[in-house]
Protein backbone atom coordinates (compact mmCIF):
# COMPACT_ATOMS: atom_id res chain seq x y z
CA MET A 1 115.03 124.87 103.37
CA ASP A 2 114.96 128.58 104.20
CA ASN A 3 114.45 129.33 100.51
CA LEU A 4 111.62 126.79 100.34
CA TYR A 5 109.85 127.79 103.56
CA TYR A 6 110.44 131.55 103.48
CA GLU A 7 111.40 132.18 99.83
CA GLY A 8 114.74 133.63 100.85
CA GLY A 9 113.31 135.79 103.65
CA HIS A 10 113.13 135.27 107.39
CA PRO A 11 110.65 133.04 109.22
CA GLY A 12 107.56 134.71 110.52
CA PHE A 13 105.12 132.84 112.67
CA SER A 14 101.49 133.21 113.62
CA ASN A 15 100.28 132.51 117.12
CA ILE A 16 99.45 128.96 116.04
CA ALA A 17 102.92 127.56 116.57
CA GLU A 18 104.40 129.77 119.28
CA GLY A 19 103.91 127.24 122.07
CA ILE A 20 105.56 124.19 120.48
CA ARG A 21 108.77 122.88 122.00
CA PHE A 22 111.01 119.99 121.01
CA SER A 23 112.26 118.46 124.27
CA PRO A 24 115.80 119.69 125.13
CA ASP A 25 116.43 116.39 126.94
CA VAL A 26 115.53 114.41 123.82
CA LEU A 27 117.79 116.61 121.72
CA ALA A 28 120.65 116.14 124.20
CA THR A 29 120.18 112.36 124.08
CA PHE A 30 120.12 112.50 120.28
CA LEU A 31 123.43 114.39 120.22
CA ARG A 32 125.11 111.94 122.60
CA LYS A 33 123.94 108.94 120.58
CA ILE A 34 125.31 110.38 117.36
CA TYR A 35 128.60 111.30 119.02
CA HIS A 36 128.99 107.79 120.44
CA GLY A 37 128.45 106.05 117.11
CA PHE A 38 124.75 105.82 116.26
CA ASP A 39 124.53 104.92 112.56
CA THR A 40 122.62 107.89 111.17
CA SER A 41 123.13 106.72 107.58
CA ASN A 42 121.21 103.47 108.00
CA ASP A 43 118.80 103.95 110.88
CA ILE A 44 116.25 106.28 112.48
CA GLU A 45 116.99 107.32 116.06
CA PRO A 46 113.78 106.33 117.92
CA THR A 47 113.70 108.86 120.77
CA ALA A 48 114.01 111.92 118.53
CA TRP A 49 111.61 110.31 116.04
CA ARG A 50 108.90 109.88 118.69
CA GLU A 51 109.36 113.50 119.83
CA ALA A 52 109.03 114.84 116.27
CA LEU A 53 106.04 112.55 115.73
CA ARG A 54 104.40 113.81 118.93
CA LEU A 55 104.51 117.38 117.66
CA MET A 56 103.29 116.50 114.15
CA ASN A 57 100.38 114.53 115.61
CA GLU A 58 99.60 117.41 117.95
CA ALA A 59 99.42 119.78 114.98
CA THR A 60 97.18 117.37 113.05
CA VAL A 61 94.75 117.02 115.94
CA GLU A 62 94.64 120.80 116.34
CA GLY A 63 93.96 121.27 112.63
CA LEU A 64 91.20 118.65 112.54
CA SER A 65 89.53 120.20 115.59
CA ARG A 66 89.38 123.58 113.79
CA ALA A 67 87.39 122.18 110.90
CA GLU A 68 83.72 123.16 110.73
CA VAL A 69 82.72 119.49 110.70
CA PRO A 70 85.63 117.24 111.81
CA PRO A 71 85.50 113.76 110.19
CA THR A 72 85.02 112.09 113.57
CA HIS A 73 84.04 108.66 112.24
CA GLU A 74 86.60 108.28 109.46
CA GLU A 75 89.11 106.10 111.30
CA GLU A 76 90.95 105.05 108.14
CA PHE A 77 91.52 108.72 107.31
CA TYR A 78 92.97 109.30 110.78
CA ARG A 79 95.26 106.28 110.41
CA GLU A 80 96.53 107.60 107.09
CA LEU A 81 97.32 111.01 108.59
CA ARG A 82 99.09 109.45 111.58
CA HIS A 83 101.11 107.13 109.35
CA SER A 84 102.14 110.02 107.11
CA ASN A 85 103.31 111.89 110.22
CA GLU A 86 105.30 108.83 111.30
CA VAL A 87 107.11 108.66 107.98
CA PHE A 88 107.68 112.43 107.76
CA ALA A 89 109.07 112.55 111.33
CA ALA A 90 111.38 109.62 110.54
CA PHE A 91 112.95 111.29 107.52
CA LYS A 92 113.16 114.64 109.30
CA VAL A 93 115.15 113.08 112.16
CA HIS A 94 117.28 111.11 109.71
CA SER A 95 118.11 114.25 107.73
CA MET A 96 119.05 116.15 110.88
CA GLY A 97 121.21 113.27 112.14
CA GLU A 98 123.12 112.91 108.89
CA LYS A 99 123.96 116.60 108.77
CA MET A 100 125.14 116.52 112.38
CA ALA A 101 127.19 113.35 111.91
CA ALA A 102 128.94 114.91 108.90
CA LYS A 103 130.59 117.42 111.28
CA LEU A 104 131.92 114.85 113.79
CA THR A 105 135.47 114.73 112.50
CA THR A 106 138.24 117.16 111.63
CA PRO A 107 139.62 117.37 108.05
CA ASP A 108 142.29 114.79 109.00
CA GLY A 109 139.65 112.33 110.23
CA LYS A 110 139.98 112.80 114.01
CA LEU A 111 136.90 112.87 116.24
CA LYS A 112 136.24 116.37 117.55
CA PRO A 113 135.78 116.94 121.30
CA PHE A 114 132.12 116.66 122.20
CA ARG A 115 131.74 120.26 123.36
CA GLN A 116 133.28 121.65 120.17
CA TRP A 117 131.08 119.46 117.96
CA ALA A 118 127.92 120.22 119.97
CA GLU A 119 128.53 123.94 119.52
CA GLU A 120 129.15 123.52 115.79
CA VAL A 121 125.85 121.69 115.23
CA GLN A 122 123.73 124.19 117.18
CA GLY A 123 122.92 125.93 113.92
CA ILE A 124 121.56 122.65 112.53
CA SER A 125 119.41 121.88 115.55
CA SER A 126 118.13 125.46 115.78
CA HIS A 127 116.71 125.05 112.29
CA TYR A 128 115.46 121.47 112.46
CA VAL A 129 113.78 121.70 115.87
CA GLY A 130 113.34 125.47 115.87
CA SER A 131 112.31 127.64 112.92
CA TRP A 132 111.74 124.82 110.42
CA LEU A 133 109.80 122.74 112.92
CA ARG A 134 107.55 125.69 113.75
CA THR A 135 106.85 126.21 110.04
CA GLU A 136 106.06 122.51 109.60
CA TYR A 137 103.85 122.51 112.69
CA ASP A 138 101.98 125.61 111.55
CA THR A 139 101.52 124.25 108.03
CA ALA A 140 100.45 120.83 109.36
CA ILE A 141 97.61 122.51 111.27
CA ILE A 142 96.39 124.22 108.12
CA ARG A 143 96.81 121.06 106.05
CA ALA A 144 94.81 118.96 108.51
CA HIS A 145 92.12 121.65 108.62
CA THR A 146 91.87 121.84 104.83
CA ALA A 147 91.93 118.03 104.59
CA ALA A 148 88.92 117.75 106.90
CA ASP A 149 87.16 120.49 104.95
CA TRP A 150 87.84 118.70 101.66
CA ARG A 151 86.21 115.53 102.97
CA ARG A 152 83.13 117.60 103.79
CA PHE A 153 83.20 119.29 100.38
CA GLU A 154 83.14 115.88 98.71
CA ARG A 155 80.19 114.74 100.84
CA ASP A 156 78.16 117.90 100.19
CA LYS A 157 78.99 118.61 96.54
CA ASP A 158 75.50 117.62 95.38
CA ILE A 159 74.10 120.51 97.42
CA MET A 160 76.91 123.05 97.00
CA PRO A 161 79.01 122.05 94.00
CA ASN A 162 81.48 124.96 93.92
CA LEU A 163 84.47 126.07 95.97
CA ARG A 164 85.59 129.68 96.45
CA TRP A 165 89.10 130.76 97.40
CA MET A 166 88.79 132.88 100.56
CA PRO A 167 91.06 135.74 101.72
CA THR A 168 94.07 134.73 103.78
CA THR A 169 94.48 135.46 107.49
CA SER A 170 98.25 135.78 107.07
CA PRO A 171 99.79 139.17 107.93
CA GLU A 172 102.06 138.67 104.90
CA PRO A 173 99.80 137.35 102.09
CA ASP A 174 101.36 135.06 99.50
CA SER A 175 101.67 136.86 96.16
CA VAL A 176 100.74 133.73 94.19
CA HIS A 177 97.53 133.16 96.13
CA ARG A 178 96.58 136.85 96.41
CA PHE A 179 95.13 136.92 92.91
CA TYR A 180 92.84 133.94 93.63
CA TRP A 181 91.04 135.52 96.55
CA GLN A 182 91.06 139.03 95.13
CA LYS A 183 89.20 137.70 92.06
CA LYS A 184 86.93 135.51 94.25
CA LEU A 185 87.94 132.48 92.23
CA THR A 186 85.04 130.02 92.31
CA LEU A 187 85.17 126.63 90.56
CA PRO A 188 83.37 123.26 90.71
CA ILE A 189 84.94 120.86 93.18
CA ASP A 190 85.83 118.49 90.32
CA HIS A 191 87.55 121.20 88.25
CA PRO A 192 91.13 120.23 87.17
CA PHE A 193 92.46 123.42 88.77
CA TRP A 194 92.00 121.95 92.26
CA LYS A 195 94.31 119.05 91.38
CA ARG A 196 97.17 121.49 90.87
CA HIS A 197 96.32 124.27 93.34
CA ARG A 198 94.73 124.47 96.78
CA PRO A 199 95.13 126.46 99.97
CA GLY A 200 98.05 124.91 101.77
CA ASP A 201 100.12 124.26 98.64
CA ARG A 202 102.63 126.91 99.72
CA TRP A 203 104.52 126.95 103.02
CA ASN A 204 102.99 129.26 105.65
CA CYS A 205 99.81 129.62 103.55
CA LYS A 206 96.76 130.59 105.66
CA CYS A 207 94.17 130.58 102.87
CA MET A 208 90.98 128.51 103.05
CA LEU A 209 88.19 127.39 100.69
CA GLU A 210 84.48 127.94 101.18
CA GLN A 211 81.84 125.68 99.69
CA THR A 212 79.09 127.56 97.86
CA ASP A 213 76.22 127.22 95.41
CA GLU A 214 77.05 130.58 93.82
CA PRO A 215 78.05 130.51 90.13
CA ALA A 216 81.55 129.50 89.09
CA ASN A 217 83.82 132.01 87.29
CA PRO A 218 86.35 129.87 85.36
CA GLU A 219 87.08 132.80 83.07
CA VAL A 220 89.25 134.21 85.88
CA LEU A 221 91.76 131.45 85.13
CA ASP A 222 92.60 133.06 81.79
CA ASP A 223 94.53 135.76 83.65
CA ILE A 224 96.31 133.43 86.08
CA GLU A 225 99.90 132.29 85.68
CA ASP A 226 100.10 128.56 86.46
CA THR A 227 102.55 128.51 89.39
CA PRO A 228 103.20 124.97 90.70
CA ALA A 229 102.78 123.97 94.33
CA GLN A 230 105.91 124.08 96.47
CA LYS A 231 107.90 120.94 97.24
CA GLY A 232 106.27 118.77 99.86
CA LEU A 233 102.83 120.33 99.31
CA GLU A 234 101.80 119.06 95.86
CA ASN A 235 99.32 116.50 97.22
CA ASN A 236 95.79 116.95 98.55
CA PRO A 237 95.77 115.54 102.13
CA GLY A 238 91.98 115.39 101.96
CA LYS A 239 92.31 112.75 99.26
CA ASP A 240 95.43 110.75 100.17
CA GLY A 241 95.72 111.36 103.93
CA HIS A 242 99.33 112.57 103.67
CA THR A 243 100.13 115.67 105.69
CA PHE A 244 103.10 116.39 103.42
CA ASN A 245 104.15 114.94 100.08
CA ASP A 246 107.21 112.69 99.77
CA THR A 247 108.82 115.25 97.45
CA HIS A 248 109.83 117.20 100.56
CA PRO A 249 113.64 117.63 100.81
CA TYR A 250 113.78 115.50 103.97
CA PHE A 251 112.76 112.45 101.93
CA PRO A 252 115.31 110.42 99.93
CA LYS A 253 115.41 111.11 96.20
CA ASN A 254 115.18 107.39 95.48
CA CYS A 255 115.07 104.03 97.23
CA ALA A 256 118.85 103.52 97.05
CA GLN A 257 119.32 106.59 99.28
CA CYS A 258 116.72 105.49 101.86
CA PRO A 259 118.09 104.39 105.27
CA ALA A 260 115.29 101.84 105.69
CA TYR A 261 115.87 100.37 102.23
CA ARG A 262 119.65 100.16 102.73
CA LYS A 263 119.17 98.54 106.13
CA SER A 264 116.90 95.87 104.63
CA GLY A 265 119.87 94.01 103.13
CA ILE A 266 121.87 93.68 99.94
CA LYS A 267 119.37 91.28 98.37
CA ASN A 268 116.66 93.92 98.40
CA ARG A 269 119.05 96.58 97.15
CA LEU A 270 119.96 94.41 94.18
CA LEU A 271 116.31 93.72 93.39
CA THR A 272 115.79 97.38 92.55
CA LEU A 273 118.02 96.95 89.52
CA PHE A 274 115.61 94.40 88.08
CA GLU A 275 112.30 95.75 89.32
CA ASN A 276 112.98 99.45 88.57
CA ARG A 277 111.50 100.20 91.96
CA LYS A 278 109.68 103.55 92.13
CA LYS A 279 109.81 105.59 95.32
CA ASP A 280 106.55 105.48 97.29
CA CYS A 281 107.50 106.40 100.84
CA TYR A 282 104.02 106.27 102.35
CA ASN A 283 103.40 102.77 101.02
CA CYS A 284 106.84 101.28 101.58
CA PRO A 285 107.29 98.02 103.53
CA PHE A 286 110.88 98.93 104.37
CA ILE A 287 110.21 102.18 106.21
CA ASP A 288 107.14 100.60 107.81
CA GLY A 289 109.30 97.71 109.01
CA CYS A 290 111.89 100.11 110.42
CA LEU A 291 109.29 102.12 112.33
CA HIS A 292 107.48 98.97 113.48
CA ARG A 293 110.78 97.65 114.86
CA HIS A 294 111.23 100.83 116.90
CA GLU A 295 107.67 100.56 118.22
CA GLU A 296 108.31 96.94 119.23
CA ILE A 297 111.51 97.97 121.02
CA ALA A 298 109.56 100.66 122.88
CA LYS A 299 106.96 98.09 123.94
CA GLN A 300 109.66 95.70 125.12
CA ARG A 301 111.30 98.44 127.16
CA ALA A 302 107.94 99.26 128.73
CA GLU A 303 107.56 95.59 129.70
CA VAL A 304 111.07 95.56 131.15
CA ASP A 305 110.32 98.72 133.16
CA LYS A 306 107.16 97.10 134.51
CA GLU A 307 109.00 93.92 135.49
CA ARG A 308 111.84 95.90 137.06
CA LYS A 309 109.37 97.79 139.25
CA ARG A 310 107.63 94.56 140.18
CA ILE A 311 110.91 92.98 141.27
CA LEU A 312 111.78 95.90 143.51
CA ALA A 313 108.25 96.31 144.91
CA ASP A 314 107.64 92.62 145.61
CA ASN A 315 111.13 91.94 146.98
CA VAL A 316 111.61 88.94 144.72
CA VAL A 317 115.17 88.95 145.97
CA THR A 318 115.75 89.37 149.68
CA VAL A 319 117.65 92.61 150.18
CA SER A 320 119.17 92.75 153.61
CA SER A 321 121.96 95.36 153.21
CA GLU A 322 124.58 92.84 154.23
CA HIS A 323 128.30 92.64 153.54
CA HIS A 324 129.38 89.29 152.11
CA LYS A 325 132.97 88.12 152.43
CA LEU A 326 133.85 86.50 149.10
CA ALA A 327 137.26 85.29 147.93
CA ASN A 328 136.41 85.87 144.25
CA ILE A 329 135.77 89.60 144.84
CA LYS A 330 138.86 91.79 144.51
CA THR A 331 138.25 93.68 147.77
CA GLY A 332 136.88 90.53 149.39
CA ASP A 333 133.80 92.46 150.52
CA LEU A 334 130.51 92.61 148.53
CA LEU A 335 127.64 94.81 149.71
CA LEU A 336 124.15 93.75 148.62
CA SER A 337 121.45 96.31 149.39
CA LYS A 338 118.41 97.79 147.70
CA LYS A 339 120.15 100.77 146.07
CA PRO A 340 122.77 98.66 144.26
CA LEU A 341 119.99 96.29 143.17
CA SER A 342 118.00 99.22 141.80
CA ARG A 343 121.06 100.52 139.91
CA LEU A 344 121.84 97.08 138.49
CA LEU A 345 118.27 96.55 137.28
CA ALA A 346 118.12 100.08 135.85
CA HIS A 347 120.85 99.09 133.38
CA CYS A 348 118.83 96.11 132.12
CA ARG A 349 117.23 96.66 128.70
CA SER A 350 115.67 93.22 128.19
CA MET A 351 114.07 90.38 130.10
CA GLU A 352 117.22 88.32 129.47
CA GLU A 353 119.33 90.96 131.19
CA LEU A 354 116.89 91.14 134.10
CA ASN A 355 117.06 87.36 134.56
CA ALA A 356 120.85 87.35 134.36
CA ALA A 357 121.03 90.19 136.88
CA LEU A 358 118.84 88.32 139.34
CA TYR A 359 120.89 85.16 138.87
CA ILE A 360 124.21 86.82 139.66
CA TRP A 361 122.65 88.76 142.54
CA GLN A 362 121.71 85.43 144.08
CA ASN A 363 124.99 83.71 143.08
CA PRO A 364 127.82 86.27 143.42
CA ASN A 365 130.28 83.44 144.02
CA LYS A 366 130.05 82.71 140.26
CA LEU A 367 131.78 86.00 139.38
CA LYS A 368 135.25 85.77 137.77
CA TYR A 369 137.51 88.80 138.10
CA LYS A 370 138.83 90.37 134.88
CA ARG A 371 140.21 93.86 135.40
CA GLU A 372 139.90 97.33 136.93
CA SER A 373 138.15 100.13 135.01
CA HIS A 374 138.90 103.65 136.20
CA LEU A 375 136.23 106.34 136.50
CA GLY A 376 135.64 108.04 133.19
CA GLU A 377 137.12 105.25 131.07
CA GLY A 378 135.77 105.50 127.53
CA LYS A 379 133.94 108.74 128.28
CA ASP A 380 134.36 112.06 126.51
CA LEU A 381 135.40 114.33 129.36
CA THR A 382 134.56 117.44 127.32
CA ASP A 383 130.89 116.41 127.66
CA ASP A 384 129.31 118.27 130.60
CA LYS A 385 126.93 115.40 131.33
CA ALA A 386 129.79 112.88 131.45
CA ARG A 387 131.77 115.07 133.85
CA LYS A 388 128.75 115.61 136.11
CA ASN A 389 128.05 111.89 136.10
CA ILE A 390 131.60 111.10 137.23
CA GLN A 391 131.50 113.83 139.88
CA ALA A 392 128.24 112.43 141.28
CA LYS A 393 129.86 109.00 141.64
CA ILE A 394 132.88 110.47 143.38
CA GLU A 395 130.59 112.30 145.81
CA ARG A 396 128.91 109.04 146.80
CA GLY A 397 132.29 107.43 147.44
CA ILE A 398 133.01 105.50 144.26
CA VAL A 399 136.72 105.25 143.38
CA ALA A 400 136.78 102.72 140.51
CA TYR A 401 134.95 99.87 138.77
CA GLN A 402 135.95 96.22 138.91
CA GLU A 403 134.90 94.08 135.95
CA TYR A 404 133.75 90.46 136.26
CA THR A 405 132.23 87.84 133.99
CA PHE A 406 129.95 84.87 134.60
CA LYS A 407 128.06 82.25 132.61
CA TYR A 408 124.27 82.10 132.53
CA ASN A 409 122.11 80.01 130.18
CA GLY A 410 125.08 79.38 127.89
CA THR A 411 125.93 83.10 127.57
CA THR A 412 128.88 85.00 128.99
CA TRP A 413 127.89 88.16 130.83
CA LEU A 414 129.91 91.19 131.88
CA VAL A 415 129.26 92.78 135.27
CA LYS A 416 130.75 95.93 136.72
CA LEU A 417 130.96 96.34 140.48
CA GLU A 418 131.50 99.77 141.98
CA GLU A 419 134.45 99.93 144.34
CA HIS A 420 133.68 102.18 147.30
CA LYS A 421 136.27 104.15 149.26
CA GLY A 422 135.06 102.19 152.29
CA GLY A 423 136.83 99.13 150.91
CA PHE A 424 133.87 97.16 149.52
CA GLU A 425 132.20 96.60 146.15
CA GLN A 426 128.55 96.68 145.05
CA PRO A 427 126.74 95.66 141.83
CA TYR A 428 126.21 98.39 139.26
CA PHE A 429 126.06 97.31 135.59
CA ILE A 430 125.40 94.19 133.49
CA ARG A 431 125.55 93.44 129.78
CA GLU A 432 125.95 90.40 127.56
CA LYS A 433 129.65 90.10 126.73
């Protein structure tokens, strides 16, 4: 990627992209998910995807706003740009995740300690959400700007039929493009040259076109070496609405290597043998289905958050901060108060889990004891966040977890109660068993 973006040199950025920032909290969550088993080969991690998408959309909006006449009423064009950003962000996050996951184990197959692995993948993240992201953001601004301009050029070509390559604003002009603006290359908008070359067809390009009615000079082309556009920039976003082309290295080389296509099932994978399926990432039902599924999950979580807040605000369950003496509880003493209720509901990720949590809150006598779970069980204690989480629980008096199960609507549920040093337990966690 360094060779593609910087042609073997070092990244240099204009003021355009200096302020962008991929959320450190999102990156930390991404790392923990990968470490704890997220399948990077066959799925797109949604939190990191939405963060990358946020930045790509931000760049697109900035680029469109810089156009002389933004295409304010072309909603279909906007949808195409947004969708292309969704797909690009998905494959960017997938590529980063796969490279990180490849470093999880030692040569003999053992899982590395979290801290060691996190340090080893810093070089990957510093590129994907640092220098490379800034280049992509910067280029996306230019590409959106030139796309909006191209739409205007098409509308006004009857009045001003020619386009002239204008001097770059880059402090380090591209050698390929330098000849175009030095010779004031001017060609009709429908000239074949524009299908192969445009400002924005090289990474970090800052060139622009100007529409004019001055005469064309196609003879200049006789002295020009036909250098192809760089990978990911071969398309004209003003025509297809794609910020970047699906030839970019983040994208799979073919459908068989696509995480969305693999996840769709063996039947679909076999069909490619008979249909000779051709890669078309921006018009693919499989990646669309994958991203739509993540959007639906996000909506469901928003609904769960809303219901959780309503339960706590409306006091659907009477919370009286009372100790209940129960024979089925290991300590024999169960504390029900608002804080434990809030913690229990905070662990619910679906309406089903919320309903089950409310049921067992109202019917704690249905709990069946299973076993004790010590603090830190199943956690990687080399992870700073895991250690801090355990320390916080110790500081509020928690000494262990006690696990219970119960039946609700034909399903077995697992509940963890926190055992307090004061000799009582309180609800903490619930999940379908």
